[in-house]
Amino acid sequence: MTNTLIHQLAACDDPRVFTLAEAEALFPLVRKITQAAHQELEPVRRALEAMVPTNPMIQDVERQYEAIVKRWVGKMERLGLVVKGLWLVDFDTGDGYLCWKFPELRIGYYHSYHEGYSSRIPLRQVVEEFDPDWAHA
């Protein structure tokens, strides 16, 4: 019997609540999707930066940029994540967020619902100091 991990998909406006184990199991897919979108966007971003505002092609390039970002956001939301910025997502734990920003290699930070990216603290510290339920499931 093959043990296959099937990722739960959520409605776009319905973030799911993750345990640390669930977030870590989903993370390789999140990172893979994000890395692919980042690689797709990079030449578009460079082209956009090189264009002067009066270039007649700028609107087409801006639409291409927007389409890549919207596809990435949609994929992250369907996986149940909360998108907080470009290449920045949170996994809702029920009492705060496990926070990840590309190109970090792992989910390594946490912040409360009332704080954001600038207030995130190392995940290991949160687990050691507060022993949250979501870290044990």
C-alpha atoms as a PDB file:
ATOM      1  CA  MET A   1       0.000   0.000   0.000  1.00  0.00           C
ATOM      2  CA  THR A   2       1.404   3.369  -0.997  1.00  0.00           C
ATOM      3  CA  ASN A   3       1.245   6.168   1.536  1.00  0.00           C
ATOM      4  CA  THR A   4       0.550   9.321  -0.464  1.00  0.00           C
ATOM      5  CA  LEU A   5       0.323  12.744   1.119  1.00  0.00           C
ATOM      6  CA  ILE A   6      -2.626  14.656  -0.301  1.00  0.00           C
ATOM      7  CA  HIS A   7      -2.610  18.361   0.445  1.00  0.00           C
ATOM      8  CA  GLN A   8      -5.881  19.839   1.597  1.00  0.00           C
ATOM      9  CA  LEU A   9      -7.111  22.634  -0.604  1.00  0.00           C
ATOM     10  CA  ALA A  10      -9.043  25.483   0.938  1.00  0.00           C
ATOM     11  CA  ALA A  11     -11.344  28.135  -0.435  1.00  0.00           C
ATOM     12  CA  CYS A  12      -9.349  31.257  -1.309  1.00  0.00           C
ATOM     13  CA  ASP A  13     -10.784  33.234   1.597  1.00  0.00           C
ATOM     14  CA  ASP A  14     -10.582  30.390   4.117  1.00  0.00           C
ATOM     15  CA  PRO A  15      -7.071  29.918   5.522  1.00  0.00           C
ATOM     16  CA  ARG A  16      -6.627  26.609   7.274  1.00  0.00           C
ATOM     17  CA  VAL A  17      -5.108  26.044  10.693  1.00  0.00           C
ATOM     18  CA  PHE A  18      -1.821  24.139  10.624  1.00  0.00           C
ATOM     19  CA  THR A  19       0.144  22.166  13.133  1.00  0.00           C
ATOM     20  CA  LEU A  20       3.890  22.541  12.801  1.00  0.00           C
ATOM     21  CA  ALA A  21       4.088  19.040  11.305  1.00  0.00           C
ATOM     22  CA  GLU A  22       1.409  19.870   8.706  1.00  0.00           C
ATOM     23  CA  ALA A  23       3.144  23.117   7.753  1.00  0.00           C
ATOM     24  CA  GLU A  24       6.492  21.344   7.431  1.00  0.00           C
ATOM     25  CA  ALA A  25       4.914  18.595   5.300  1.00  0.00           C
ATOM     26  CA  LEU A  26       3.406  21.181   2.946  1.00  0.00           C
ATOM     27  CA  PHE A  27       6.500  23.384   2.887  1.00  0.00           C
ATOM     28  CA  PRO A  28       8.416  21.618   0.073  1.00  0.00           C
ATOM     29  CA  LEU A  29       5.457  22.201  -2.260  1.00  0.00           C
ATOM     30  CA  VAL A  30       5.099  25.832  -1.146  1.00  0.00           C
ATOM     31  CA  ARG A  31       8.808  26.432  -1.719  1.00  0.00           C
ATOM     32  CA  LYS A  32       8.767  24.688  -5.116  1.00  0.00           C
ATOM     33  CA  ILE A  33       5.769  26.725  -6.354  1.00  0.00           C
ATOM     34  CA  THR A  34       7.299  29.942  -5.028  1.00  0.00           C
ATOM     35  CA  GLN A  35      10.706  29.269  -6.519  1.00  0.00           C
ATOM     36  CA  ALA A  36       9.157  28.561  -9.935  1.00  0.00           C
ATOM     37  CA  ALA A  37       7.069  31.761  -9.797  1.00  0.00           C
ATOM     38  CA  HIS A  38      10.107  33.760  -8.685  1.00  0.00           C
ATOM     39  CA  GLN A  39      12.159  32.414 -11.606  1.00  0.00           C
ATOM     40  CA  GLU A  40       9.323  33.175 -14.018  1.00  0.00           C
ATOM     41  CA  LEU A  41       8.940  36.714 -12.667  1.00  0.00           C
ATOM     42  CA  GLU A  42      12.618  37.682 -12.540  1.00  0.00           C
ATOM     43  CA  PRO A  43      13.146  38.408 -16.272  1.00  0.00           C
ATOM     44  CA  VAL A  44       9.836  40.280 -16.368  1.00  0.00           C
ATOM     45  CA  ARG A  45      10.895  42.347 -13.352  1.00  0.00           C
ATOM     46  CA  ARG A  46      14.248  43.156 -14.957  1.00  0.00           C
ATOM     47  CA  ALA A  47      12.538  44.155 -18.219  1.00  0.00           C
ATOM     48  CA  LEU A  48      10.119  46.386 -16.336  1.00  0.00           C
ATOM     49  CA  GLU A  49      12.943  48.094 -14.441  1.00  0.00           C
ATOM     50  CA  ALA A  50      14.788  48.774 -17.691  1.00  0.00           C
ATOM     51  CA  MET A  51      11.788  50.381 -19.412  1.00  0.00           C
ATOM     52  CA  VAL A  52      11.157  54.076 -19.441  1.00  0.00           C
ATOM     53  CA  PRO A  53       7.606  55.044 -18.378  1.00  0.00           C
ATOM     54  CA  THR A  54       6.746  56.222 -21.887  1.00  0.00           C
ATOM     55  CA  ASN A  55       7.572  52.866 -23.522  1.00  0.00           C
ATOM     56  CA  PRO A  56       4.403  51.638 -25.271  1.00  0.00           C
ATOM     57  CA  MET A  57       5.186  48.039 -24.201  1.00  0.00           C
ATOM     58  CA  ILE A  58       5.194  48.855 -20.486  1.00  0.00           C
ATOM     59  CA  GLN A  59       1.511  48.022 -19.989  1.00  0.00           C
ATOM     60  CA  ASP A  60       1.958  44.571 -21.533  1.00  0.00           C
ATOM     61  CA  VAL A  61       4.955  43.850 -19.313  1.00  0.00           C
ATOM     62  CA  GLU A  62       3.083  45.139 -16.235  1.00  0.00           C
ATOM     63  CA  ARG A  63       0.151  42.822 -17.066  1.00  0.00           C
ATOM     64  CA  GLN A  64       2.538  39.892 -17.419  1.00  0.00           C
ATOM     65  CA  TYR A  65       4.110  40.741 -14.038  1.00  0.00           C
ATOM     66  CA  GLU A  66       0.698  40.991 -12.409  1.00  0.00           C
ATOM     67  CA  ALA A  67      -0.496  37.710 -13.933  1.00  0.00           C
ATOM     68  CA  ILE A  68       2.515  35.787 -12.564  1.00  0.00           C
ATOM     69  CA  VAL A  69       2.046  37.253  -9.080  1.00  0.00           C
ATOM     70  CA  LYS A  70      -1.723  36.617  -9.104  1.00  0.00           C
ATOM     71  CA  ARG A  71      -1.186  32.972 -10.103  1.00  0.00           C
ATOM     72  CA  TRP A  72       1.270  32.519  -7.239  1.00  0.00           C
ATOM     73  CA  VAL A  73      -1.083  34.196  -4.740  1.00  0.00           C
ATOM     74  CA  GLY A  74      -3.975  32.007  -5.897  1.00  0.00           C
ATOM     75  CA  LYS A  75      -1.936  28.839  -5.461  1.00  0.00           C
ATOM     76  CA  MET A  76      -0.812  29.842  -1.957  1.00  0.00           C
ATOM     77  CA  GLU A  77      -4.359  30.727  -0.912  1.00  0.00           C
ATOM     78  CA  ARG A  78      -5.733  27.443  -2.287  1.00  0.00           C
ATOM     79  CA  LEU A  79      -3.200  25.635  -0.105  1.00  0.00           C
ATOM     80  CA  GLY A  80      -4.677  27.516   2.871  1.00  0.00           C
ATOM     81  CA  LEU A  81      -1.833  29.953   3.451  1.00  0.00           C
ATOM     82  CA  VAL A  82      -2.141  33.651   4.215  1.00  0.00           C
ATOM     83  CA  VAL A  83      -0.222  35.757   1.693  1.00  0.00           C
ATOM     84  CA  LYS A  84       1.352  38.763   3.399  1.00  0.00           C
ATOM     85  CA  GLY A  85       3.506  40.081   0.576  1.00  0.00           C
ATOM     86  CA  LEU A  86       5.461  39.066  -2.469  1.00  0.00           C
ATOM     87  CA  TRP A  87       7.027  35.676  -1.681  1.00  0.00           C
ATOM     88  CA  LEU A  88       5.907  36.032   1.966  1.00  0.00           C
ATOM     89  CA  VAL A  89       3.362  33.623   3.432  1.00  0.00           C
ATOM     90  CA  ASP A  90       2.041  32.665   6.843  1.00  0.00           C
ATOM     91  CA  PHE A  91       0.713  29.346   8.092  1.00  0.00           C
ATOM     92  CA  ASP A  92      -2.077  30.014  10.623  1.00  0.00           C
ATOM     93  CA  THR A  93      -1.582  27.975  13.825  1.00  0.00           C
ATOM     94  CA  GLY A  94      -4.731  29.072  15.619  1.00  0.00           C
ATOM     95  CA  ASP A  95      -2.824  31.441  17.909  1.00  0.00           C
ATOM     96  CA  GLY A  96      -0.455  33.132  15.470  1.00  0.00           C
ATOM     97  CA  TYR A  97       1.521  32.461  12.320  1.00  0.00           C
ATOM     98  CA  LEU A  98       4.420  30.348  11.231  1.00  0.00           C
ATOM     99  CA  CYS A  99       6.132  32.795   8.879  1.00  0.00           C
ATOM    100  CA  TRP A 100       8.161  32.080   5.737  1.00  0.00           C
ATOM    101  CA  LYS A 101       9.711  34.319   3.099  1.00  0.00           C
ATOM    102  CA  PHE A 102      11.424  33.080  -0.029  1.00  0.00           C
ATOM    103  CA  PRO A 103      14.329  32.200  -0.323  1.00  0.00           C
ATOM    104  CA  GLU A 104      14.523  30.951   3.287  1.00  0.00           C
ATOM    105  CA  LEU A 105      15.240  27.228   3.353  1.00  0.00           C
ATOM    106  CA  ARG A 106      12.750  26.318   6.071  1.00  0.00           C
ATOM    107  CA  ILE A 107       9.890  27.636   8.167  1.00  0.00           C
ATOM    108  CA  GLY A 108      11.938  29.223  10.896  1.00  0.00           C
ATOM    109  CA  TYR A 109       9.878  32.053  12.370  1.00  0.00           C
ATOM    110  CA  TYR A 110       6.654  32.824  14.200  1.00  0.00           C
ATOM    111  CA  HIS A 111       4.685  35.964  14.945  1.00  0.00           C
ATOM    112  CA  SER A 112       1.388  36.668  16.682  1.00  0.00           C
ATOM    113  CA  TYR A 113      -1.780  37.751  14.891  1.00  0.00           C
ATOM    114  CA  HIS A 114      -1.184  41.352  15.979  1.00  0.00           C
ATOM    115  CA  GLU A 115       2.400  41.529  14.780  1.00  0.00           C
ATOM    116  CA  GLY A 116       3.980  41.127  11.393  1.00  0.00           C
ATOM    117  CA  TYR A 117       7.130  40.185   9.560  1.00  0.00           C
ATOM    118  CA  SER A 118       9.289  42.751  11.375  1.00  0.00           C
ATOM    119  CA  SER A 119       8.286  41.267  14.755  1.00  0.00           C
ATOM    120  CA  ARG A 120       8.833  37.614  13.954  1.00  0.00           C
ATOM    121  CA  ILE A 121      10.864  35.530  16.358  1.00  0.00           C
ATOM    122  CA  PRO A 122      12.752  32.279  15.811  1.00  0.00           C
ATOM    123  CA  LEU A 123      10.411  29.297  15.815  1.00  0.00           C
ATOM    124  CA  ARG A 124      12.723  27.275  18.063  1.00  0.00           C
ATOM    125  CA  GLN A 125      12.487  29.997  20.725  1.00  0.00           C
ATOM    126  CA  VAL A 126       8.665  29.963  20.625  1.00  0.00           C
ATOM    127  CA  VAL A 127       8.505  26.172  20.934  1.00  0.00           C
ATOM    128  CA  GLU A 128      11.038  26.075  23.788  1.00  0.00           C
ATOM    129  CA  GLU A 129       9.515  28.964  25.757  1.00  0.00           C
ATOM    130  CA  PHE A 130       5.787  28.465  25.227  1.00  0.00           C
ATOM    131  CA  ASP A 131       5.394  24.788  24.213  1.00  0.00           C
ATOM    132  CA  PRO A 132       2.362  25.544  21.970  1.00  0.00           C
ATOM    133  CA  ASP A 133      -0.151  22.791  21.144  1.00  0.00           C
ATOM    134  CA  TRP A 134       0.421  23.188  17.407  1.00  0.00           C
ATOM    135  CA  ALA A 135       4.067  22.126  17.842  1.00  0.00           C
ATOM    136  CA  HIS A 136       3.078  18.649  19.089  1.00  0.00           C
ATOM    137  CA  ALA A 137       0.340  17.413  16.798  1.00  0.00           C
END
